[in-house]
Amino acid sequence: MKEGIHPEYAPARVTCACGNSFTTRSTHGDMAIDVCSACHPFYTGTQKLIDTAGRVDRFRKRYEKKAAPAPKAKVAAAPVAAAPKAAPEPEPAPAPEAPAGEPPADQS
């Protein structure tokens, strides 16, 4: 390493908004952060919903599963006569095989 071109890599104190703090090394010195591994939902498995306007409650209220009313009885319509089914078309006959040693016949 060349001398005099690298920044100082000193111990730094990192403080999170949740109150957690730890020591690491950094070229920036002490830091204040918003989220750390002790409070981040990915690492803790919890989710914090910050809802100041009540949007989550309104959403849940609007889309909550309500008991569905009994289905209305449908009026039975007269049965419609089914159209006669067309007879299936016969399959084409397989082409005859050429005897051994002869080229196949031209099928045009």
C-alpha atoms as a PDB file:
ATOM      1  CA  MET A   1       0.000   0.000   0.000  1.00  0.00           C
ATOM      2  CA  LYS A   2       1.182   3.471  -0.752  1.00  0.00           C
ATOM      3  CA  GLU A   3       1.736   5.652   2.252  1.00  0.00           C
ATOM      4  CA  GLY A   4      -0.341   8.809   2.777  1.00  0.00           C
ATOM      5  CA  ILE A   5      -3.112   8.211   0.188  1.00  0.00           C
ATOM      6  CA  HIS A   6      -5.579   6.171   2.258  1.00  0.00           C
ATOM      7  CA  PRO A   7      -8.139   7.746   4.633  1.00  0.00           C
ATOM      8  CA  GLU A   8      -8.051   7.015   8.331  1.00  0.00           C
ATOM      9  CA  TYR A   9     -10.145   3.937   9.182  1.00  0.00           C
ATOM     10  CA  ALA A  10     -11.014   4.610  12.812  1.00  0.00           C
ATOM     11  CA  PRO A  11     -13.580   3.107  15.216  1.00  0.00           C
ATOM     12  CA  ALA A  12     -17.019   4.702  14.853  1.00  0.00           C
ATOM     13  CA  ARG A  13     -20.073   4.645  17.106  1.00  0.00           C
ATOM     14  CA  VAL A  14     -23.370   3.919  15.258  1.00  0.00           C
ATOM     15  CA  THR A  15     -26.595   4.931  17.036  1.00  0.00           C
ATOM     16  CA  CYS A  16     -30.024   3.898  15.746  1.00  0.00           C
ATOM     17  CA  ALA A  17     -33.306   5.767  16.207  1.00  0.00           C
ATOM     18  CA  CYS A  18     -34.607   2.802  18.226  1.00  0.00           C
ATOM     19  CA  GLY A  19     -31.856   3.344  20.812  1.00  0.00           C
ATOM     20  CA  ASN A  20     -29.595   0.483  19.770  1.00  0.00           C
ATOM     21  CA  SER A  21     -25.928   1.389  19.362  1.00  0.00           C
ATOM     22  CA  PHE A  22     -22.817  -0.506  18.362  1.00  0.00           C
ATOM     23  CA  THR A  23     -19.219   0.157  17.432  1.00  0.00           C
ATOM     24  CA  THR A  24     -17.719  -0.512  14.021  1.00  0.00           C
ATOM     25  CA  ARG A  25     -14.985   1.016  11.889  1.00  0.00           C
ATOM     26  CA  SER A  26     -15.563   3.747   9.341  1.00  0.00           C
ATOM     27  CA  THR A  27     -13.883   6.574   7.476  1.00  0.00           C
ATOM     28  CA  HIS A  28     -16.868   8.820   8.314  1.00  0.00           C
ATOM     29  CA  GLY A  29     -16.733   8.770  12.095  1.00  0.00           C
ATOM     30  CA  ASP A  30     -19.803   8.523  14.363  1.00  0.00           C
ATOM     31  CA  MET A  31     -23.172   7.999  12.645  1.00  0.00           C
ATOM     32  CA  ALA A  32     -26.854   8.277  13.509  1.00  0.00           C
ATOM     33  CA  ILE A  33     -29.092   5.918  11.509  1.00  0.00           C
ATOM     34  CA  ASP A  34     -32.857   5.396  11.202  1.00  0.00           C
ATOM     35  CA  VAL A  35     -33.048   1.597  11.011  1.00  0.00           C
ATOM     36  CA  CYS A  36     -30.711  -1.103  12.292  1.00  0.00           C
ATOM     37  CA  SER A  37     -30.752  -4.901  12.407  1.00  0.00           C
ATOM     38  CA  ALA A  38     -32.427  -4.786  15.839  1.00  0.00           C
ATOM     39  CA  CYS A  39     -35.496  -2.897  14.592  1.00  0.00           C
ATOM     40  CA  HIS A  40     -35.680  -3.622  10.833  1.00  0.00           C
ATOM     41  CA  PRO A  41     -38.732  -5.784   9.938  1.00  0.00           C
ATOM     42  CA  PHE A  42     -36.663  -8.025   7.651  1.00  0.00           C
ATOM     43  CA  TYR A  43     -34.415  -9.097  10.525  1.00  0.00           C
ATOM     44  CA  THR A  44     -36.962  -9.083  13.350  1.00  0.00           C
ATOM     45  CA  GLY A  45     -39.888 -10.667  11.492  1.00  0.00           C
ATOM     46  CA  THR A  46     -42.299  -7.973  12.656  1.00  0.00           C
ATOM     47  CA  GLN A  47     -43.998  -5.270  10.677  1.00  0.00           C
ATOM     48  CA  LYS A  48     -44.855  -1.856  12.043  1.00  0.00           C
ATOM     49  CA  LEU A  49     -47.811  -0.116  10.443  1.00  0.00           C
ATOM     50  CA  ILE A  50     -47.667   3.629  10.807  1.00  0.00           C
ATOM     51  CA  ASP A  51     -51.186   4.796  10.048  1.00  0.00           C
ATOM     52  CA  THR A  52     -51.905   8.378  11.004  1.00  0.00           C
ATOM     53  CA  ALA A  53     -55.003   8.871   8.864  1.00  0.00           C
ATOM     54  CA  GLY A  54     -56.780   5.590   9.680  1.00  0.00           C
ATOM     55  CA  ARG A  55     -56.349   4.290   6.131  1.00  0.00           C
ATOM     56  CA  VAL A  56     -55.641   0.709   7.181  1.00  0.00           C
ATOM     57  CA  ASP A  57     -58.736   0.572   9.379  1.00  0.00           C
ATOM     58  CA  ARG A  58     -60.900   2.064   6.618  1.00  0.00           C
ATOM     59  CA  PHE A  59     -59.520  -0.487   4.154  1.00  0.00           C
ATOM     60  CA  ARG A  60     -60.177  -3.405   6.501  1.00  0.00           C
ATOM     61  CA  LYS A  61     -63.663  -2.098   7.280  1.00  0.00           C
ATOM     62  CA  ARG A  62     -64.518  -1.649   3.606  1.00  0.00           C
ATOM     63  CA  TYR A  63     -63.235  -5.022   2.451  1.00  0.00           C
ATOM     64  CA  GLU A  64     -63.902  -7.242   5.434  1.00  0.00           C
ATOM     65  CA  LYS A  65     -65.680 -10.445   4.611  1.00  0.00           C
ATOM     66  CA  LYS A  66     -69.319 -10.059   5.431  1.00  0.00           C
ATOM     67  CA  ALA A  67     -71.829 -12.872   5.537  1.00  0.00           C
ATOM     68  CA  ALA A  68     -73.003 -13.236   1.969  1.00  0.00           C
ATOM     69  CA  PRO A  69     -76.798 -12.972   1.541  1.00  0.00           C
ATOM     70  CA  ALA A  70     -78.640 -16.067   0.372  1.00  0.00           C
ATOM     71  CA  PRO A  71     -78.469 -16.459  -3.410  1.00  0.00           C
ATOM     72  CA  LYS A  72     -81.595 -15.415  -5.264  1.00  0.00           C
ATOM     73  CA  ALA A  73     -83.655 -18.164  -6.854  1.00  0.00           C
ATOM     74  CA  LYS A  74     -83.358 -18.151 -10.624  1.00  0.00           C
ATOM     75  CA  VAL A  75     -86.413 -18.554 -12.801  1.00  0.00           C
ATOM     76  CA  ALA A  76     -86.128 -21.828 -14.685  1.00  0.00           C
ATOM     77  CA  ALA A  77     -86.177 -21.248 -18.429  1.00  0.00           C
ATOM     78  CA  ALA A  78     -87.597 -23.702 -20.916  1.00  0.00           C
ATOM     79  CA  PRO A  79     -84.966 -26.216 -22.003  1.00  0.00           C
ATOM     80  CA  VAL A  80     -83.411 -25.407 -25.330  1.00  0.00           C
ATOM     81  CA  ALA A  81     -83.334 -28.238 -27.835  1.00  0.00           C
ATOM     82  CA  ALA A  82     -79.781 -29.263 -28.556  1.00  0.00           C
ATOM     83  CA  ALA A  83     -78.608 -29.092 -32.140  1.00  0.00           C
ATOM     84  CA  PRO A  84     -78.003 -32.525 -33.699  1.00  0.00           C
ATOM     85  CA  LYS A  85     -74.394 -33.586 -33.540  1.00  0.00           C
ATOM     86  CA  ALA A  86     -72.565 -34.021 -36.810  1.00  0.00           C
ATOM     87  CA  ALA A  87     -71.130 -37.443 -37.557  1.00  0.00           C
ATOM     88  CA  PRO A  88     -67.382 -37.586 -37.050  1.00  0.00           C
ATOM     89  CA  GLU A  89     -65.318 -37.585 -40.222  1.00  0.00           C
ATOM     90  CA  PRO A  90     -63.530 -40.857 -40.992  1.00  0.00           C
ATOM     91  CA  GLU A  91     -59.764 -40.854 -40.662  1.00  0.00           C
ATOM     92  CA  PRO A  92     -57.781 -41.005 -43.923  1.00  0.00           C
ATOM     93  CA  ALA A  93     -56.332 -44.397 -44.790  1.00  0.00           C
ATOM     94  CA  PRO A  94     -52.631 -44.799 -44.067  1.00  0.00           C
ATOM     95  CA  ALA A  95     -50.283 -44.670 -47.056  1.00  0.00           C
ATOM     96  CA  PRO A  96     -49.044 -48.055 -48.259  1.00  0.00           C
ATOM     97  CA  GLU A  97     -45.509 -48.887 -47.283  1.00  0.00           C
ATOM     98  CA  ALA A  98     -42.887 -49.392 -49.972  1.00  0.00           C
ATOM     99  CA  PRO A  99     -41.271 -52.822 -50.191  1.00  0.00           C
ATOM    100  CA  ALA A 100     -37.800 -53.085 -48.720  1.00  0.00           C
ATOM    101  CA  GLY A 101     -35.089 -51.663 -50.977  1.00  0.00           C
ATOM    102  CA  GLU A 102     -37.402 -49.445 -53.050  1.00  0.00           C
ATOM    103  CA  PRO A 103     -37.753 -45.657 -52.634  1.00  0.00           C
ATOM    104  CA  PRO A 104     -41.075 -44.476 -51.197  1.00  0.00           C
ATOM    105  CA  ALA A 105     -43.821 -43.633 -53.645  1.00  0.00           C
ATOM    106  CA  ASP A 106     -44.518 -39.950 -54.387  1.00  0.00           C
ATOM    107  CA  GLN A 107     -47.615 -38.809 -52.473  1.00  0.00           C
ATOM    108  CA  SER A 108     -49.056 -35.751 -54.181  1.00  0.00           C
END
